Protein backbone atom coordinates (compact mmCIF):
# COMPACT_ATOMS: atom_id res chain seq x y z
CA MET A 1 -23.21 203.29 67.23
CA VAL A 2 -20.90 206.37 67.03
CA MET A 3 -19.55 205.49 63.56
CA ASP A 4 -23.06 205.88 62.10
CA ARG A 5 -23.00 209.64 62.78
CA PRO A 6 -24.25 211.76 61.31
CA SER A 7 -27.63 210.21 60.73
CA HIS A 8 -29.94 211.30 57.98
CA LYS A 9 -32.00 213.11 60.62
CA GLU A 10 -28.91 214.89 62.06
CA ILE A 11 -27.77 216.05 58.56
CA ASN A 12 -31.30 217.34 57.92
CA ARG A 13 -31.11 219.38 61.26
CA LYS A 14 -27.75 220.76 60.19
CA ILE A 15 -29.14 221.91 56.82
CA LYS A 16 -32.12 223.55 58.64
CA GLN A 17 -29.71 225.14 61.10
CA ALA A 18 -27.61 226.50 58.24
CA LYS A 19 -30.65 227.96 56.49
CA GLU A 20 -31.63 229.67 59.80
CA ALA A 21 -28.11 231.04 60.35
CA VAL A 22 -27.90 232.48 56.86
CA SER A 23 -31.31 234.05 56.95
CA GLY A 24 -30.56 235.55 60.41
CA GLY A 25 -27.17 236.85 59.33
CA GLN A 26 -25.45 234.53 61.83
CA PHE A 27 -22.60 233.30 59.65
CA SER A 28 -19.07 234.11 58.66
CA VAL A 29 -16.62 232.91 55.97
CA LEU A 30 -13.66 231.21 57.68
CA ASN A 31 -11.10 232.22 54.98
CA PRO A 32 -12.54 235.14 52.99
CA VAL A 33 -9.54 235.50 50.65
CA SER A 34 -9.71 231.85 49.52
CA VAL A 35 -13.52 231.63 49.41
CA SER A 36 -13.62 234.99 47.43
CA ALA A 37 -11.37 233.57 44.78
CA ASP A 38 -13.49 230.37 44.59
CA VAL A 39 -16.88 232.09 44.38
CA LEU A 40 -15.60 234.53 41.69
CA LYS A 41 -15.05 231.40 39.50
CA LEU A 42 -18.75 230.56 40.07
CA GLY A 43 -19.77 234.06 38.82
CA PHE A 44 -20.54 235.97 42.06
CA THR A 45 -18.64 237.99 44.67
CA ILE A 46 -18.38 237.20 48.38
CA GLU A 47 -20.60 240.31 49.02
CA GLY A 48 -23.45 238.27 47.46
CA ILE A 49 -22.74 235.12 49.36
CA SER A 50 -25.77 235.40 51.63
CA ASN A 51 -28.22 235.19 48.71
CA ILE A 52 -26.26 232.40 47.04
CA LEU A 53 -26.08 230.39 50.28
CA THR A 54 -29.77 230.74 50.71
CA ASN A 55 -30.35 229.38 47.20
CA LEU A 56 -27.74 226.60 47.60
CA LEU A 57 -28.96 225.46 50.98
CA SER A 58 -32.49 225.14 49.64
CA GLU A 59 -31.16 222.65 47.02
CA ILE A 60 -29.27 220.24 49.26
CA THR A 61 -30.65 217.17 51.04
CA PRO A 62 -29.13 214.67 53.45
CA ASP A 63 -28.44 212.44 50.40
CA ASP A 64 -25.88 215.10 49.19
CA TYR A 65 -23.80 214.70 52.31
CA ALA A 66 -20.22 213.95 51.26
CA GLY A 67 -18.42 214.21 54.56
CA SER A 68 -17.00 211.48 56.78
CA TYR A 69 -18.65 209.38 59.40
CA PRO A 70 -18.35 210.76 62.02
CA PRO A 71 -17.90 214.28 60.73
CA GLN A 72 -14.38 215.59 60.39
CA LYS A 73 -13.30 218.14 63.08
CA SER A 74 -11.82 221.49 62.17
CA TYR A 75 -8.23 222.25 62.86
CA GLU A 76 -8.69 226.03 62.18
CA SER A 77 -8.22 228.09 65.36
CA ASP A 78 -11.53 229.99 65.07
CA ILE A 79 -13.60 226.78 64.99
CA LEU A 80 -11.12 224.31 66.52
CA ASP A 81 -12.71 220.85 67.01
CA CYS A 82 -16.06 221.95 65.57
CA GLU A 83 -17.66 219.28 63.33
CA LEU A 84 -17.63 219.96 59.60
CA PHE A 85 -20.47 219.05 57.31
CA THR A 86 -19.60 218.64 53.60
CA PHE A 87 -22.03 218.48 50.68
CA ARG A 88 -21.57 217.73 47.02
CA TRP A 89 -24.42 218.06 44.50
CA VAL A 90 -25.40 219.34 41.11
CA SER A 91 -26.75 222.83 41.69
CA LYS A 92 -29.71 223.81 39.62
CA HIS A 93 -28.99 227.49 40.55
CA LEU A 94 -25.34 227.51 39.41
CA GLY A 95 -25.42 224.68 36.84
CA GLU A 96 -22.30 223.12 38.37
CA ILE A 97 -21.33 220.33 40.77
CA ILE A 98 -20.86 222.37 43.99
CA TYR A 99 -18.82 221.52 47.06
CA LEU A 100 -19.89 223.22 50.26
CA LYS A 101 -18.45 222.67 53.73
CA PHE A 102 -19.62 224.37 56.87
CA GLY A 103 -19.51 224.02 60.62
CA PHE A 104 -21.08 225.57 63.72
CA LYS A 105 -19.67 227.06 66.81
CA GLY A 106 -22.72 227.44 69.00
CA GLN A 107 -25.42 228.88 66.75
CA TRP A 108 -22.89 230.66 64.49
CA MET A 109 -22.27 229.03 61.10
CA TRP A 110 -18.81 229.13 59.57
CA VAL A 111 -18.53 228.60 55.80
CA VAL A 112 -15.25 226.71 55.34
CA SER A 113 -15.46 225.92 51.55
CA LEU A 114 -17.69 226.91 48.64
CA HIS A 115 -16.51 226.09 45.12
CA GLU A 116 -17.04 223.98 42.06
CA ASP A 117 -16.33 220.36 42.83
CA ARG A 118 -12.64 219.74 41.98
CA LYS A 119 -12.81 215.96 41.87
CA GLU A 120 -14.65 215.97 38.50
CA LYS A 121 -12.17 218.40 36.96
CA ASN A 122 -9.10 216.39 38.01
CA GLY A 123 -10.51 213.22 36.55
């Protein structure tokens, strides 16, 4: 059934695909100004995002998937209609609840959001 997407197996594949994209340098940040401001709050600059993403992607599992079923589609022109995969988890590396959203256009990964989870803060 379509509403059951993404499956545990599909999410696992997307995590693996994201790891491969980052290690191969095949990724971009969709909105660098916004993401730069967010990652500064986490204690690093966007220039170091490749190493941080490598560490963060090694922490997440399909159980950390926090997106919709089926995945939300992007409305941003660069990745219009591409599916977005959202994760929320307690990062051992950063010591915070992290929110990460990314999508793929072909084999190219686009980082849409990376910041401390805001739901907990707004309580």
